[in-house]
Amino acid sequence: MCVASGNCGFVAPEVFRNRKETGGFVELIDRNPPQTQWDATREAEHLCPSGTIQIEDHPIPPR
């Protein structure tokens, strides 16, 4: 579902990475980020245009 927008890697680079080798598609770096990264991770979920990122305890509604 990823459309390689790069939003997640930009706002939460400790949790997500957009790899050039895969055309910019998202790679999850940390499945259980520390609390210091929670706000950025939730922002990445909110900014994901395809809805690919869904946080278990905070799923976004389907589009």
PDB file of N, CA and C in Angstrom:
ATOM      1  N   MET A   1       0.798  -1.197   0.000  1.00  0.00           N
ATOM      2  CA  MET A   1       0.000   0.000   0.000  1.00  0.00           C
ATOM      3  C   MET A   1       0.848   1.273   0.000  1.00  0.00           C
ATOM      4  N   CYS A   2       2.076   1.182   0.417  1.00  0.00           N
ATOM      5  CA  CYS A   2       2.943   2.360   0.502  1.00  0.00           C
ATOM      6  C   CYS A   2       3.066   3.030  -0.863  1.00  0.00           C
ATOM      7  N   VAL A   3       2.971   4.361  -0.861  1.00  0.00           N
ATOM      8  CA  VAL A   3       3.114   5.125  -2.103  1.00  0.00           C
ATOM      9  C   VAL A   3       4.423   5.920  -2.123  1.00  0.00           C
ATOM     10  N   ALA A   4       5.299   5.654  -1.169  1.00  0.00           N
ATOM     11  CA  ALA A   4       6.629   6.265  -1.093  1.00  0.00           C
ATOM     12  C   ALA A   4       6.589   7.786  -1.016  1.00  0.00           C
ATOM     13  N   SER A   5       5.681   8.322  -0.201  1.00  0.00           N
ATOM     14  CA  SER A   5       5.599   9.780  -0.055  1.00  0.00           C
ATOM     15  C   SER A   5       6.785  10.332   0.732  1.00  0.00           C
ATOM     16  N   GLY A   6       7.349   9.523   1.624  1.00  0.00           N
ATOM     17  CA  GLY A   6       8.491   9.957   2.421  1.00  0.00           C
ATOM     18  C   GLY A   6       8.123  10.661   3.710  1.00  0.00           C
ATOM     19  N   ASN A   7       6.841  10.868   3.965  1.00  0.00           N
ATOM     20  CA  ASN A   7       6.416  11.583   5.172  1.00  0.00           C
ATOM     21  C   ASN A   7       6.893  10.890   6.443  1.00  0.00           C
ATOM     22  N   CYS A   8       6.757   9.577   6.499  1.00  0.00           N
ATOM     23  CA  CYS A   8       7.094   8.853   7.723  1.00  0.00           C
ATOM     24  C   CYS A   8       8.578   8.962   8.061  1.00  0.00           C
ATOM     25  N   GLY A   9       9.424   8.777   7.061  1.00  0.00           N
ATOM     26  CA  GLY A   9      10.864   8.881   7.291  1.00  0.00           C
ATOM     27  C   GLY A   9      11.299  10.284   7.646  1.00  0.00           C
ATOM     28  N   PHE A  10      10.539  11.260   7.191  1.00  0.00           N
ATOM     29  CA  PHE A  10      10.852  12.658   7.492  1.00  0.00           C
ATOM     30  C   PHE A  10      10.477  13.007   8.932  1.00  0.00           C
ATOM     31  N   VAL A  11       9.282  12.614   9.383  1.00  0.00           N
ATOM     32  CA  VAL A  11       8.826  13.017  10.724  1.00  0.00           C
ATOM     33  C   VAL A  11       9.254  12.052  11.822  1.00  0.00           C
ATOM     34  N   ALA A  12       9.550  10.797  11.472  1.00  0.00           N
ATOM     35  CA  ALA A  12       9.961   9.817  12.485  1.00  0.00           C
ATOM     36  C   ALA A  12      11.136   8.984  11.969  1.00  0.00           C
ATOM     37  N   PRO A  13      12.284   9.620  11.736  1.00  0.00           N
ATOM     38  CA  PRO A  13      13.423   8.912  11.151  1.00  0.00           C
ATOM     39  C   PRO A  13      14.032   7.845  12.055  1.00  0.00           C
ATOM     40  N   GLU A  14      13.709   7.861  13.336  1.00  0.00           N
ATOM     41  CA  GLU A  14      14.213   6.824  14.239  1.00  0.00           C
ATOM     42  C   GLU A  14      13.353   5.563  14.158  1.00  0.00           C
ATOM     43  N   VAL A  15      12.181   5.687  13.538  1.00  0.00           N
ATOM     44  CA  VAL A  15      11.233   4.574  13.475  1.00  0.00           C
ATOM     45  C   VAL A  15      11.048   4.061  12.046  1.00  0.00           C
ATOM     46  N   PHE A  16      11.047   4.974  11.069  1.00  0.00           N
ATOM     47  CA  PHE A  16      10.820   4.610   9.672  1.00  0.00           C
ATOM     48  C   PHE A  16      11.949   5.120   8.791  1.00  0.00           C
ATOM     49  N   ARG A  17      12.181   4.376   7.695  1.00  0.00           N
ATOM     50  CA  ARG A  17      13.182   4.806   6.724  1.00  0.00           C
ATOM     51  C   ARG A  17      12.600   4.571   5.334  1.00  0.00           C
ATOM     52  N   ASN A  18      12.803   5.515   4.470  1.00  0.00           N
ATOM     53  CA  ASN A  18      12.394   5.372   3.073  1.00  0.00           C
ATOM     54  C   ASN A  18      13.652   5.045   2.278  1.00  0.00           C
ATOM     55  N   ARG A  19      13.728   3.828   1.792  1.00  0.00           N
ATOM     56  CA  ARG A  19      14.943   3.330   1.143  1.00  0.00           C
ATOM     57  C   ARG A  19      14.971   3.634  -0.347  1.00  0.00           C
ATOM     58  N   LYS A  20      16.038   4.260  -0.779  1.00  0.00           N
ATOM     59  CA  LYS A  20      16.221   4.549  -2.200  1.00  0.00           C
ATOM     60  C   LYS A  20      16.273   3.261  -3.015  1.00  0.00           C
ATOM     61  N   GLU A  21      16.839   2.204  -2.423  1.00  0.00           N
ATOM     62  CA  GLU A  21      16.985   0.928  -3.125  1.00  0.00           C
ATOM     63  C   GLU A  21      15.646   0.313  -3.497  1.00  0.00           C
ATOM     64  N   THR A  22      14.586   0.689  -2.777  1.00  0.00           N
ATOM     65  CA  THR A  22      13.265   0.108  -3.045  1.00  0.00           C
ATOM     66  C   THR A  22      12.302   1.158  -3.595  1.00  0.00           C
ATOM     67  N   GLY A  23      12.845   2.204  -4.180  1.00  0.00           N
ATOM     68  CA  GLY A  23      11.999   3.235  -4.766  1.00  0.00           C
ATOM     69  C   GLY A  23      11.392   4.185  -3.752  1.00  0.00           C
ATOM     70  N   GLY A  24      11.958   4.217  -2.545  1.00  0.00           N
ATOM     71  CA  GLY A  24      11.469   5.129  -1.511  1.00  0.00           C
ATOM     72  C   GLY A  24      10.400   4.539  -0.616  1.00  0.00           C
ATOM     73  N   PHE A  25      10.097   3.249  -0.809  1.00  0.00           N
ATOM     74  CA  PHE A  25       9.066   2.634   0.023  1.00  0.00           C
ATOM     75  C   PHE A  25       9.548   2.495   1.461  1.00  0.00           C
ATOM     76  N   VAL A  26       8.601   2.513   2.375  1.00  0.00           N
ATOM     77  CA  VAL A  26       8.894   2.550   3.800  1.00  0.00           C
ATOM     78  C   VAL A  26       9.484   1.236   4.304  1.00  0.00           C
ATOM     79  N   GLU A  27      10.389   1.383   5.260  1.00  0.00           N
ATOM     80  CA  GLU A  27      10.936   0.259   5.998  1.00  0.00           C
ATOM     81  C   GLU A  27      10.783   0.593   7.478  1.00  0.00           C
ATOM     82  N   LEU A  28      10.263  -0.327   8.244  1.00  0.00           N
ATOM     83  CA  LEU A  28      10.118  -0.141   9.679  1.00  0.00           C
ATOM     84  C   LEU A  28      11.449  -0.457  10.341  1.00  0.00           C
ATOM     85  N   ILE A  29      11.983   0.506  11.062  1.00  0.00           N
ATOM     86  CA  ILE A  29      13.268   0.321  11.732  1.00  0.00           C
ATOM     87  C   ILE A  29      13.063  -0.197  13.150  1.00  0.00           C
ATOM     88  N   ASP A  30      12.064   0.342  13.851  1.00  0.00           N
ATOM     89  CA  ASP A  30      11.841  -0.013  15.249  1.00  0.00           C
ATOM     90  C   ASP A  30      10.366  -0.319  15.472  1.00  0.00           C
ATOM     91  N   ARG A  31      10.055  -1.589  15.632  1.00  0.00           N
ATOM     92  CA  ARG A  31       8.675  -2.032  15.831  1.00  0.00           C
ATOM     93  C   ARG A  31       8.104  -1.563  17.172  1.00  0.00           C
ATOM     94  N   ASN A  32       8.949  -1.362  18.150  1.00  0.00           N
ATOM     95  CA  ASN A  32       8.530  -0.917  19.484  1.00  0.00           C
ATOM     96  C   ASN A  32       9.361   0.291  19.893  1.00  0.00           C
ATOM     97  N   PRO A  33       9.072   1.448  19.304  1.00  0.00           N
ATOM     98  CA  PRO A  33       9.889   2.630  19.612  1.00  0.00           C
ATOM     99  C   PRO A  33       9.722   3.081  21.053  1.00  0.00           C
ATOM    100  N   PRO A  34      10.741   3.738  21.602  1.00  0.00           N
ATOM    101  CA  PRO A  34      10.633   4.263  22.952  1.00  0.00           C
ATOM    102  C   PRO A  34       9.583   5.372  23.003  1.00  0.00           C
ATOM    103  N   GLN A  35       9.116   5.638  24.183  1.00  0.00           N
ATOM    104  CA  GLN A  35       8.062   6.635  24.373  1.00  0.00           C
ATOM    105  C   GLN A  35       8.450   7.995  23.795  1.00  0.00           C
ATOM    106  N   THR A  36       9.720   8.305  23.767  1.00  0.00           N
ATOM    107  CA  THR A  36      10.176   9.587  23.212  1.00  0.00           C
ATOM    108  C   THR A  36       9.857   9.704  21.722  1.00  0.00           C
ATOM    109  N   GLN A  37       9.584   8.593  21.052  1.00  0.00           N
ATOM    110  CA  GLN A  37       9.282   8.588  19.625  1.00  0.00           C
ATOM    111  C   GLN A  37       7.791   8.438  19.316  1.00  0.00           C
ATOM    112  N   TRP A  38       6.958   8.289  20.345  1.00  0.00           N
ATOM    113  CA  TRP A  38       5.536   8.035  20.129  1.00  0.00           C
ATOM    114  C   TRP A  38       4.831   9.163  19.383  1.00  0.00           C
ATOM    115  N   ASP A  39       5.084  10.395  19.742  1.00  0.00           N
ATOM    116  CA  ASP A  39       4.417  11.516  19.065  1.00  0.00           C
ATOM    117  C   ASP A  39       4.786  11.555  17.584  1.00  0.00           C
ATOM    118  N   ALA A  40       6.053  11.381  17.289  1.00  0.00           N
ATOM    119  CA  ALA A  40       6.495  11.396  15.889  1.00  0.00           C
ATOM    120  C   ALA A  40       5.906  10.215  15.125  1.00  0.00           C
ATOM    121  N   THR A  41       5.804   9.061  15.774  1.00  0.00           N
ATOM    122  CA  THR A  41       5.250   7.876  15.132  1.00  0.00           C
ATOM    123  C   THR A  41       3.769   8.063  14.835  1.00  0.00           C
ATOM    124  N   ARG A  42       3.046   8.646  15.766  1.00  0.00           N
ATOM    125  CA  ARG A  42       1.623   8.922  15.539  1.00  0.00           C
ATOM    126  C   ARG A  42       1.441   9.975  14.439  1.00  0.00           C
ATOM    127  N   GLU A  43       2.336  10.939  14.376  1.00  0.00           N
ATOM    128  CA  GLU A  43       2.265  11.933  13.302  1.00  0.00           C
ATOM    129  C   GLU A  43       2.515  11.262  11.947  1.00  0.00           C
ATOM    130  N   ALA A  44       3.475  10.338  11.905  1.00  0.00           N
ATOM    131  CA  ALA A  44       3.743   9.603  10.670  1.00  0.00           C
ATOM    132  C   ALA A  44       2.508   8.810  10.240  1.00  0.00           C
ATOM    133  N   GLU A  45       1.823   8.215  11.201  1.00  0.00           N
ATOM    134  CA  GLU A  45       0.593   7.483  10.896  1.00  0.00           C
ATOM    135  C   GLU A  45      -0.449   8.438  10.301  1.00  0.00           C
ATOM    136  N   HIS A  46      -0.596   9.579  10.916  1.00  0.00           N
ATOM    137  CA  HIS A  46      -1.577  10.574  10.465  1.00  0.00           C
ATOM    138  C   HIS A  46      -1.242  11.109   9.067  1.00  0.00           C
ATOM    139  N   LEU A  47       0.041  11.295   8.776  1.00  0.00           N
ATOM    140  CA  LEU A  47       0.463  11.876   7.497  1.00  0.00           C
ATOM    141  C   LEU A  47       0.562  10.871   6.352  1.00  0.00           C
ATOM    142  N   CYS A  48       0.457   9.597   6.654  1.00  0.00           N
ATOM    143  CA  CYS A  48       0.602   8.566   5.620  1.00  0.00           C
ATOM    144  C   CYS A  48      -0.585   8.634   4.652  1.00  0.00           C
ATOM    145  N   PRO A  49      -0.352   9.046   3.393  1.00  0.00           N
ATOM    146  CA  PRO A  49      -1.459   9.233   2.461  1.00  0.00           C
ATOM    147  C   PRO A  49      -2.153   7.937   2.042  1.00  0.00           C
ATOM    148  N   SER A  50      -1.468   6.807   2.165  1.00  0.00           N
ATOM    149  CA  SER A  50      -2.072   5.541   1.742  1.00  0.00           C
ATOM    150  C   SER A  50      -2.674   4.754   2.898  1.00  0.00           C
ATOM    151  N   GLY A  51      -2.452   5.213   4.136  1.00  0.00           N
ATOM    152  CA  GLY A  51      -2.962   4.481   5.289  1.00  0.00           C
ATOM    153  C   GLY A  51      -2.161   3.228   5.594  1.00  0.00           C
ATOM    154  N   THR A  52      -0.960   3.146   5.052  1.00  0.00           N
ATOM    155  CA  THR A  52      -0.108   1.980   5.270  1.00  0.00           C
ATOM    156  C   THR A  52       0.299   1.847   6.732  1.00  0.00           C
ATOM    157  N   ILE A  53       0.584   2.963   7.365  1.00  0.00           N
ATOM    158  CA  ILE A  53       1.032   2.938   8.761  1.00  0.00           C
ATOM    159  C   ILE A  53      -0.183   2.934   9.669  1.00  0.00           C
ATOM    160  N   GLN A  54      -0.266   1.910  10.494  1.00  0.00           N
ATOM    161  CA  GLN A  54      -1.347   1.811  11.466  1.00  0.00           C
ATOM    162  C   GLN A  54      -0.761   1.351  12.789  1.00  0.00           C
ATOM    163  N   ILE A  55      -0.911   2.173  13.791  1.00  0.00           N
ATOM    164  CA  ILE A  55      -0.402   1.858  15.115  1.00  0.00           C
ATOM    165  C   ILE A  55      -1.446   0.996  15.802  1.00  0.00           C
ATOM    166  N   GLU A  56      -0.998  -0.115  16.377  1.00  0.00           N
ATOM    167  CA  GLU A  56      -1.898  -1.090  16.956  1.00  0.00           C
ATOM    168  C   GLU A  56      -2.938  -0.505  17.905  1.00  0.00           C
ATOM    169  N   ASP A  57      -2.507   0.312  18.827  1.00  0.00           N
ATOM    170  CA  ASP A  57      -3.467   0.852  19.795  1.00  0.00           C
ATOM    171  C   ASP A  57      -4.099   2.131  19.313  1.00  0.00           C
ATOM    172  N   HIS A  58      -3.815   2.534  18.069  1.00  0.00           N
ATOM    173  CA  HIS A  58      -4.349   3.794  17.528  1.00  0.00           C
ATOM    174  C   HIS A  58      -4.544   3.662  16.027  1.00  0.00           C
ATOM    175  N   PRO A  59      -5.320   2.657  15.574  1.00  0.00           N
ATOM    176  CA  PRO A  59      -5.468   2.488  14.127  1.00  0.00           C
ATOM    177  C   PRO A  59      -6.224   3.639  13.492  1.00  0.00           C
ATOM    178  N   ILE A  60      -5.818   3.984  12.296  1.00  0.00           N
ATOM    179  CA  ILE A  60      -6.530   5.031  11.583  1.00  0.00           C
ATOM    180  C   ILE A  60      -7.704   4.393  10.852  1.00  0.00           C
ATOM    181  N   PRO A  61      -8.767   5.124  10.643  1.00  0.00           N
ATOM    182  CA  PRO A  61      -9.919   4.539   9.955  1.00  0.00           C
ATOM    183  C   PRO A  61      -9.588   4.224   8.502  1.00  0.00           C
ATOM    184  N   PRO A  62     -10.243   3.218   7.944  1.00  0.00           N
ATOM    185  CA  PRO A  62      -9.988   2.905   6.533  1.00  0.00           C
ATOM    186  C   PRO A  62     -10.467   4.033   5.631  1.00  0.00           C
ATOM    187  N   ARG A  63      -9.847   4.163   4.481  1.00  0.00           N
ATOM    188  CA  ARG A  63     -10.203   5.229   3.548  1.00  0.00           C
ATOM    189  C   ARG A  63     -11.231   4.741   2.563  1.00  0.00           C
TER     190      ARG A  63
END
